[in-house]
Amino acid sequence: MNQLRSYAVVTGAYWSFMLTDGALRMLVLLYFHELGYAPTTLAFLFLFYEFFGIITNLFGGWGAQRFGLKSTLIGGLALQPIALIGLSFMNPEWAPAMAIPFVMGIQALSGISKDLTKMSAKTAVKFLIPKDQPSSLFKWVAVLTGSKNAIKGAGFFVGGYLLYKLGFDCALWVLAAIILLALVASLLFLPKEIGASKAKSKLQGLFDQKREIKILSAARVFLFGARDIWFVVAIPVFLTTTFEWSFTQVGTFMACWVIGYGAVQACAPAILKRFTKGHAPGGKAALTISFMLTAIMTLIAVLFSQNIAPHITIVGGLLLFGAVFALNSSVHSFLILDYADDDKAAVNVGFYYMANAMGRLIGTLFSGLLFQWGGILWALIGSALFLALTSGITLLLPTRKH
């Protein structure tokens, strides 16, 4: 097997998907906000996206172990064009009672697609790197994760731009064409046997995970919940209503945030190398960064509550938060692959990303609710509390790699 070619195919497919995923998120958020939907309603539009991600990661990991990662990757890539084209048939004249369930159903399909693709791409890296090279594994996981987040950030900008230039329906068809190209390339060039295991696990063993994987997964729930509490609904709506930014400005800011976040993630091995003395990071690194995140978000909430330079506090503070969050996420992404067993890698990673999706679901729900109840300040406070919980759970991780 040509490992470099396989890595390139997996990365390219993941990039293409995340470009459309970021663009779709921005399209839906801005389009339905323009139609007059309230923040809580906007949050509900994404709930099925996150909820079905939980189920997909759990059972998708089991499916990947039995049938190989190519099958789940192809399945994920095939579903996204269906979701994109299906959403283009929504009529803006529909009553909310019809439009909301329709969009939630389409978002469910997109959520299944996203998490099949994500779980498959990230697990595949473990099988493309020699087992005795943990530092190399950290490097290539960071490159994949960081680059895909930069691409997703570009997708936010693309979504806002396409909505402005082409309108909602045409933008969705353009995105569907992009993902179809990635699907064809994956079918042609990715080896069938990647990630398939001779040991076939049973469904009842999906929750039979090692202690460190359960702890890391619990920390992941609150880490990504903390991000999405402000990121999904609160900040985009706040920027358009309070700062009076245009759709393009909001899309550009969200794009820059995620692109910068991805760039830091990709550089995480080089950044952390001086602190880990050249070794791959362990639980201690995750804990230190988690404490830093908690302090940053708490400071942002305090400064904003006192009305101290609100533009600088929100924009600058969240950019700083994004850089540190990227390091934390990168360490987590390495640790799950490091902790995973070869014969259960897909199941282990699927369980972990199930927790990730659960965190996004909780964060999405609270993003709409907290913003509706108390504005952006409540969302920031909620994020700080979630990060404190993340730090408390991370204390339980082993300080060294197993």
Protein backbone atom coordinates (compact mmCIF):
# COMPACT_ATOMS: atom_id res chain seq x y z
CA MET A 1 0.00 0.00 0.00
CA ASN A 2 1.30 3.40 -0.94
CA GLN A 3 0.93 5.12 2.43
CA LEU A 4 1.75 8.62 1.20
CA ARG A 5 -0.84 8.42 -1.58
CA SER A 6 -3.42 7.04 0.83
CA TYR A 7 -2.74 9.88 3.29
CA ALA A 8 -3.09 12.39 0.46
CA VAL A 9 -6.41 10.87 -0.67
CA VAL A 10 -7.81 10.78 2.88
CA THR A 11 -6.68 14.35 3.51
CA GLY A 12 -8.07 15.61 0.21
CA ALA A 13 -11.43 13.95 0.80
CA TYR A 14 -11.57 15.36 4.33
CA TRP A 15 -10.64 18.83 3.09
CA SER A 16 -13.35 18.79 0.43
CA PHE A 17 -15.95 17.66 2.91
CA MET A 18 -15.04 20.22 5.56
CA LEU A 19 -15.12 23.05 3.01
CA THR A 20 -18.74 22.16 2.22
CA ASP A 21 -19.54 21.57 5.89
CA GLY A 22 -18.33 25.01 6.95
CA ALA A 23 -20.07 26.67 4.02
CA LEU A 24 -23.34 24.85 4.76
CA ARG A 25 -23.23 25.91 8.42
CA MET A 26 -22.83 29.56 7.47
CA LEU A 27 -25.45 29.35 4.70
CA VAL A 28 -28.09 27.93 7.02
CA LEU A 29 -27.28 30.28 9.91
CA LEU A 30 -27.27 33.49 7.87
CA TYR A 31 -30.13 32.57 5.53
CA PHE A 32 -32.54 31.62 8.28
CA HIS A 33 -31.51 34.56 10.43
CA GLU A 34 -32.37 36.75 7.42
CA LEU A 35 -35.77 35.03 7.25
CA GLY A 36 -36.42 36.17 10.83
CA TYR A 37 -35.79 33.02 12.86
CA ALA A 38 -35.00 33.57 16.56
CA PRO A 39 -31.66 32.42 18.10
CA THR A 40 -33.29 29.46 19.87
CA THR A 41 -34.88 28.35 16.59
CA LEU A 42 -31.54 28.65 14.81
CA ALA A 43 -30.01 26.41 17.46
CA PHE A 44 -32.76 23.83 16.97
CA LEU A 45 -31.97 23.69 13.25
CA PHE A 46 -28.58 22.18 14.15
CA LEU A 47 -29.69 19.85 16.95
CA PHE A 48 -30.33 16.82 14.74
CA TYR A 49 -26.98 17.46 13.03
CA GLU A 50 -25.26 16.97 16.38
CA PHE A 51 -27.62 14.30 17.76
CA PHE A 52 -27.17 11.98 14.79
CA GLY A 53 -23.44 12.61 14.99
CA ILE A 54 -23.49 10.91 18.41
CA ILE A 55 -25.18 7.81 17.00
CA THR A 56 -23.07 7.80 13.84
CA ASN A 57 -19.76 7.88 15.69
CA LEU A 58 -20.79 5.06 18.00
CA PHE A 59 -22.02 2.66 15.33
CA GLY A 60 -19.79 4.02 12.56
CA GLY A 61 -16.67 2.94 14.46
CA TRP A 62 -18.09 -0.55 14.78
CA GLY A 63 -18.94 -0.60 11.07
CA ALA A 64 -15.47 0.63 10.09
CA GLN A 65 -13.85 -2.13 12.13
CA ARG A 66 -15.93 -4.79 10.41
CA PHE A 67 -15.95 -3.49 6.82
CA GLY A 68 -12.92 -1.18 6.64
CA LEU A 69 -12.52 2.57 6.80
CA LYS A 70 -12.95 3.03 3.06
CA SER A 71 -16.57 1.86 3.26
CA THR A 72 -17.48 4.37 5.99
CA LEU A 73 -15.54 7.18 4.29
CA ILE A 74 -17.34 6.57 0.99
CA GLY A 75 -20.67 6.39 2.82
CA GLY A 76 -20.03 9.75 4.46
CA LEU A 77 -19.00 11.43 1.22
CA ALA A 78 -22.01 10.01 -0.63
CA LEU A 79 -24.58 11.35 1.85
CA GLN A 80 -23.44 14.98 1.81
CA PRO A 81 -24.45 15.79 -1.81
CA ILE A 82 -27.87 14.28 -1.10
CA ALA A 83 -28.28 16.57 1.89
CA LEU A 84 -27.07 19.65 0.01
CA ILE A 85 -29.29 19.11 -3.01
CA GLY A 86 -32.23 18.16 -0.81
CA LEU A 87 -31.96 21.40 1.15
CA SER A 88 -32.10 23.42 -2.08
CA PHE A 89 -35.74 22.33 -2.51
CA MET A 90 -36.86 24.15 0.63
CA ASN A 91 -39.36 26.90 -0.09
CA PRO A 92 -38.78 30.11 1.92
CA GLU A 93 -42.55 30.64 1.86
CA TRP A 94 -43.13 27.52 3.94
CA ALA A 95 -44.52 28.03 7.43
CA PRO A 96 -42.04 27.38 10.26
CA ALA A 97 -44.03 24.26 11.23
CA MET A 98 -43.01 22.75 7.89
CA ALA A 99 -39.64 24.42 7.27
CA ILE A 100 -38.05 23.66 10.66
CA PRO A 101 -38.63 19.85 10.63
CA PHE A 102 -37.51 19.72 6.98
CA VAL A 103 -34.24 21.52 7.66
CA MET A 104 -33.63 19.50 10.83
CA GLY A 105 -34.06 16.30 8.81
CA ILE A 106 -31.61 17.47 6.15
CA GLN A 107 -29.17 18.54 8.87
CA ALA A 108 -29.48 15.06 10.41
CA LEU A 109 -28.35 13.54 7.11
CA SER A 110 -25.47 16.01 6.91
CA GLY A 111 -24.49 15.21 10.51
CA ILE A 112 -24.34 11.49 9.73
CA SER A 113 -22.25 12.28 6.67
CA LYS A 114 -19.85 14.55 8.56
CA ASP A 115 -19.12 12.14 11.37
CA LEU A 116 -18.68 9.10 9.11
CA THR A 117 -16.14 11.09 7.11
CA LYS A 118 -14.41 12.52 10.18
CA MET A 119 -14.13 9.25 12.09
CA SER A 120 -12.86 7.41 9.00
CA ALA A 121 -10.26 10.02 8.04
CA LYS A 122 -8.80 10.44 11.53
CA THR A 123 -8.69 6.71 12.30
CA ALA A 124 -7.00 6.02 8.97
CA VAL A 125 -3.96 8.06 10.05
CA LYS A 126 -3.20 5.55 12.82
CA PHE A 127 -2.78 2.82 10.21
CA LEU A 128 -0.61 4.95 7.92
CA ILE A 129 2.05 5.77 10.58
CA PRO A 130 4.45 3.14 12.02
CA LYS A 131 3.42 1.99 15.51
CA ASP A 132 6.77 2.85 17.14
CA GLN A 133 6.71 6.53 16.11
CA PRO A 134 4.33 8.41 18.46
CA SER A 135 5.93 11.77 17.68
CA SER A 136 5.30 11.21 13.97
CA LEU A 137 1.73 10.22 14.73
CA PHE A 138 1.24 13.47 16.68
CA LYS A 139 2.72 15.44 13.78
CA TRP A 140 0.54 13.95 11.05
CA VAL A 141 -2.63 13.97 13.14
CA ALA A 142 -1.98 17.64 13.85
CA VAL A 143 -1.42 18.36 10.15
CA LEU A 144 -4.65 16.60 9.16
CA THR A 145 -6.73 18.15 11.94
CA GLY A 146 -5.26 21.62 11.62
CA SER A 147 -5.52 21.76 7.84
CA LYS A 148 -9.13 20.55 7.86
CA ASN A 149 -10.08 23.25 10.34
CA ALA A 150 -8.40 25.88 8.18
CA ILE A 151 -10.38 24.54 5.22
CA LYS A 152 -13.59 24.58 7.28
CA GLY A 153 -12.84 28.20 8.19
CA ALA A 154 -12.50 28.98 4.51
CA GLY A 155 -15.86 27.25 4.13
CA PHE A 156 -17.47 29.85 6.43
CA PHE A 157 -16.24 32.57 4.14
CA VAL A 158 -17.28 30.62 1.03
CA GLY A 159 -20.76 30.08 2.50
CA GLY A 160 -21.28 33.78 3.21
CA TYR A 161 -19.86 34.75 -0.18
CA LEU A 162 -21.93 32.22 -2.16
CA LEU A 163 -25.08 33.29 -0.33
CA TYR A 164 -24.39 36.89 -1.29
CA LYS A 165 -23.40 36.19 -4.91
CA LEU A 166 -25.49 33.18 -5.97
CA GLY A 167 -28.29 32.88 -3.45
CA PHE A 168 -29.19 29.95 -1.23
CA ASP A 169 -30.19 27.32 -3.82
CA CYS A 170 -27.35 27.77 -6.31
CA ALA A 171 -24.78 27.86 -3.51
CA LEU A 172 -25.93 24.42 -2.35
CA TRP A 173 -25.55 22.92 -5.84
CA VAL A 174 -22.01 24.30 -6.15
CA LEU A 175 -21.08 22.67 -2.84
CA ALA A 176 -22.61 19.35 -3.94
CA ALA A 177 -20.43 19.35 -7.06
CA ILE A 178 -17.29 19.83 -4.96
CA ILE A 179 -18.01 16.88 -2.70
CA LEU A 180 -18.87 14.61 -5.66
CA LEU A 181 -15.35 15.11 -7.01
CA ALA A 182 -13.89 13.98 -3.68
CA LEU A 183 -16.17 10.94 -3.69
CA VAL A 184 -14.95 9.82 -7.11
CA ALA A 185 -11.28 10.27 -6.12
CA SER A 186 -11.76 8.22 -2.94
CA LEU A 187 -13.49 5.42 -4.83
CA LEU A 188 -10.65 5.22 -7.34
CA PHE A 189 -7.53 5.65 -5.23
CA LEU A 190 -8.13 4.58 -1.62
CA PRO A 191 -7.22 0.92 -0.81
CA LYS A 192 -10.13 -1.22 0.32
CA GLU A 193 -8.39 -2.93 3.23
CA ILE A 194 -7.38 0.14 5.24
CA GLY A 195 -8.51 -0.06 8.86
CA ALA A 196 -10.27 -3.43 8.55
CA SER A 197 -9.71 -5.67 11.58
CA LYS A 198 -9.61 -9.44 11.78
CA ALA A 199 -11.09 -9.25 15.29
CA LYS A 200 -14.76 -8.43 14.82
CA SER A 201 -16.23 -6.78 17.91
CA LYS A 202 -19.84 -7.19 18.95
CA LEU A 203 -22.27 -4.32 19.33
CA GLN A 204 -22.56 -4.83 23.08
CA GLY A 205 -18.83 -4.13 23.39
CA LEU A 206 -19.08 -0.56 22.09
CA PHE A 207 -19.04 0.90 25.61
CA ASP A 208 -16.29 -1.43 26.82
CA GLN A 209 -13.52 1.18 26.68
CA LYS A 210 -10.30 1.65 28.62
CA ARG A 211 -10.36 4.04 31.58
CA GLU A 212 -8.20 6.69 29.91
CA ILE A 213 -10.41 6.70 26.81
CA LYS A 214 -13.52 7.21 28.94
CA ILE A 215 -11.86 10.08 30.84
CA LEU A 216 -10.59 11.73 27.65
CA SER A 217 -14.03 11.38 26.07
CA ALA A 218 -15.74 12.97 29.08
CA ALA A 219 -13.30 15.89 28.94
CA ARG A 220 -14.03 16.21 25.22
CA VAL A 221 -17.76 16.60 25.88
CA PHE A 222 -17.26 19.75 27.93
CA LEU A 223 -14.35 21.09 25.86
CA PHE A 224 -16.40 21.22 22.67
CA GLY A 225 -19.54 22.19 24.54
CA ALA A 226 -17.58 25.19 25.83
CA ARG A 227 -16.63 26.21 22.31
CA ASP A 228 -20.04 25.80 20.72
CA ILE A 229 -21.91 27.62 23.52
CA TRP A 230 -20.60 30.88 22.06
CA PHE A 231 -19.58 29.78 18.57
CA VAL A 232 -22.68 28.26 16.95
CA VAL A 233 -25.43 30.86 17.44
CA ALA A 234 -24.41 33.45 20.04
CA ILE A 235 -21.43 35.10 18.35
CA PRO A 236 -22.73 35.20 14.74
CA VAL A 237 -26.06 36.68 15.84
CA PHE A 238 -24.36 39.06 18.31
CA LEU A 239 -22.03 40.37 15.61
CA THR A 240 -24.90 41.06 13.20
CA THR A 241 -27.28 42.60 15.74
CA THR A 242 -25.05 44.42 18.26
CA PHE A 243 -21.91 45.20 16.25
CA GLU A 244 -24.05 45.56 13.08
CA TRP A 245 -21.67 43.54 10.92
CA SER A 246 -22.72 42.42 7.44
CA PHE A 247 -23.08 38.74 6.49
CA THR A 248 -19.74 38.92 4.67
CA GLN A 249 -18.03 40.43 7.71
CA VAL A 250 -19.44 37.78 10.02
CA GLY A 251 -18.47 35.01 7.60
CA THR A 252 -14.98 36.49 7.29
CA PHE A 253 -14.49 36.70 11.06
CA MET A 254 -15.70 33.13 11.60
CA ALA A 255 -13.50 32.01 8.72
CA CYS A 256 -10.43 33.77 10.12
CA TRP A 257 -11.10 32.29 13.56
CA VAL A 258 -11.27 28.73 12.27
CA ILE A 259 -8.41 29.19 9.78
CA GLY A 260 -6.19 30.57 12.54
CA TYR A 261 -7.35 27.80 14.84
CA GLY A 262 -6.43 25.25 12.18
CA ALA A 263 -3.03 26.83 11.55
CA VAL A 264 -2.14 26.68 15.25
CA GLN A 265 -3.37 23.07 15.38
CA ALA A 266 -1.15 22.09 12.47
CA CYS A 267 1.83 23.75 14.20
CA ALA A 268 1.00 22.24 17.62
CA PRO A 269 3.86 19.67 17.56
CA ALA A 270 6.42 22.42 16.93
CA ILE A 271 4.84 24.75 19.51
CA LEU A 272 4.62 22.12 22.25
CA LYS A 273 7.97 20.50 21.47
CA ARG A 274 9.89 22.94 23.67
CA PHE A 275 7.59 22.17 26.62
CA THR A 276 7.49 18.38 26.19
CA LYS A 277 11.24 18.14 25.49
CA GLY A 278 10.65 16.59 22.10
CA HIS A 279 8.33 13.85 23.36
CA ALA A 280 4.71 13.33 22.37
CA PRO A 281 2.33 15.04 24.84
CA GLY A 282 0.44 13.27 27.63
CA GLY A 283 -2.28 14.08 30.14
CA LYS A 284 -0.18 16.76 31.86
CA ALA A 285 0.00 18.83 28.67
CA ALA A 286 -3.77 18.53 28.18
CA LEU A 287 -4.37 19.66 31.78
CA THR A 288 -2.07 22.69 31.57
CA ILE A 289 -3.69 23.94 28.37
CA SER A 290 -7.18 23.31 29.77
CA PHE A 291 -6.41 25.52 32.79
CA MET A 292 -5.19 28.25 30.43
CA LEU A 293 -8.43 28.08 28.43
CA THR A 294 -10.54 28.38 31.55
CA ALA A 295 -8.61 31.46 32.66
CA ILE A 296 -8.91 33.11 29.22
CA MET A 297 -12.66 32.61 28.91
CA THR A 298 -13.23 33.79 32.49
CA LEU A 299 -11.23 36.95 31.76
CA ILE A 300 -13.24 37.61 28.56
CA ALA A 301 -16.53 37.28 30.48
CA VAL A 302 -15.34 39.59 33.28
CA LEU A 303 -14.04 42.29 30.91
CA PHE A 304 -17.19 42.22 28.80
CA SER A 305 -19.45 42.37 31.87
CA GLN A 306 -17.66 45.58 32.86
CA ASN A 307 -18.03 46.99 29.32
CA ILE A 308 -14.25 47.31 28.96
CA ALA A 309 -13.41 47.78 25.25
CA PRO A 310 -16.17 45.36 24.14
CA HIS A 311 -15.01 45.11 20.51
CA ILE A 312 -11.43 44.28 21.51
CA THR A 313 -12.59 41.98 24.31
CA ILE A 314 -14.86 39.92 22.08
CA VAL A 315 -12.85 39.84 18.86
CA GLY A 316 -9.35 39.79 20.35
CA GLY A 317 -10.31 37.57 23.28
CA LEU A 318 -11.91 34.93 21.12
CA LEU A 319 -8.96 34.91 18.73
CA LEU A 320 -6.66 34.24 21.71
CA PHE A 321 -9.07 31.60 22.96
CA GLY A 322 -9.00 29.96 19.53
CA ALA A 323 -5.21 29.65 19.52
CA VAL A 324 -5.08 27.96 22.93
CA PHE A 325 -8.16 25.84 22.16
CA ALA A 326 -6.36 24.60 19.04
CA LEU A 327 -3.46 23.30 21.12
CA ASN A 328 -5.84 21.53 23.51
CA SER A 329 -7.83 19.95 20.70
CA SER A 330 -4.65 18.82 18.94
CA VAL A 331 -3.36 17.09 22.06
CA HIS A 332 -6.73 15.36 22.51
CA SER A 333 -6.73 14.19 18.89
CA PHE A 334 -3.30 12.63 19.38
CA LEU A 335 -4.12 11.05 22.74
CA ILE A 336 -7.17 9.16 21.47
CA LEU A 337 -5.10 7.54 18.71
CA ASP A 338 -2.27 6.86 21.13
CA TYR A 339 -4.62 5.25 23.65
CA ALA A 340 -6.53 3.28 20.98
CA ASP A 341 -5.90 -0.43 20.48
CA ASP A 342 -5.00 -1.52 16.94
CA ASP A 343 -7.81 -4.09 16.69
CA LYS A 344 -10.36 -1.69 18.19
CA ALA A 345 -9.02 1.59 16.85
CA ALA A 346 -12.14 2.50 14.87
CA VAL A 347 -14.40 1.58 17.81
CA ASN A 348 -12.22 3.56 20.25
CA VAL A 349 -12.11 6.61 17.99
CA GLY A 350 -15.84 6.32 17.26
CA PHE A 351 -16.61 6.31 21.00
CA TYR A 352 -14.42 9.38 21.48
CA TYR A 353 -16.02 11.32 18.64
CA MET A 354 -19.44 10.27 19.92
CA ALA A 355 -18.50 12.25 23.06
CA ASN A 356 -17.28 15.07 20.82
CA ALA A 357 -20.65 15.18 19.04
CA MET A 358 -22.46 15.07 22.38
CA GLY A 359 -20.49 18.13 23.49
CA ARG A 360 -21.39 19.94 20.27
CA LEU A 361 -25.06 19.03 20.75
CA ILE A 362 -25.10 20.39 24.30
CA GLY A 363 -23.14 23.48 23.27
CA THR A 364 -25.46 24.15 20.32
CA LEU A 365 -28.55 23.93 22.50
CA PHE A 366 -27.11 26.19 25.20
CA SER A 367 -25.80 28.62 22.58
CA GLY A 368 -29.34 29.47 21.55
CA LEU A 369 -30.87 29.28 25.02
CA LEU A 370 -28.25 31.30 26.89
CA PHE A 371 -28.11 33.97 24.20
CA GLN A 372 -31.90 34.21 24.22
CA TRP A 373 -32.00 34.50 28.02
CA GLY A 374 -29.00 36.70 28.78
CA GLY A 375 -27.23 37.72 25.59
CA ILE A 376 -23.60 37.05 24.75
CA LEU A 377 -22.49 37.47 28.39
CA TRP A 378 -24.45 34.41 29.52
CA ALA A 379 -22.94 32.41 26.66
CA LEU A 380 -19.43 33.43 27.73
CA ILE A 381 -20.12 32.52 31.37
CA GLY A 382 -21.54 29.16 30.31
CA SER A 383 -18.41 28.50 28.27
CA ALA A 384 -16.16 29.31 31.25
CA LEU A 385 -18.10 26.90 33.48
CA PHE A 386 -17.81 24.11 30.91
CA LEU A 387 -14.07 24.69 30.65
CA ALA A 388 -13.72 24.43 34.43
CA LEU A 389 -15.45 21.03 34.22
CA THR A 390 -13.08 20.03 31.41
CA SER A 391 -10.09 20.85 33.60
CA GLY A 392 -11.49 18.89 36.52
CA ILE A 393 -12.01 15.79 34.39
CA THR A 394 -8.59 16.12 32.72
CA LEU A 395 -6.98 15.88 36.15
CA LEU A 396 -7.86 12.18 36.06
CA LEU A 397 -5.87 11.45 32.88
CA PRO A 398 -2.54 9.63 33.26
CA THR A 399 0.30 12.16 33.26
CA ARG A 400 2.35 10.00 30.93
CA LYS A 401 1.46 8.08 27.81
CA HIS A 402 0.42 4.51 28.52
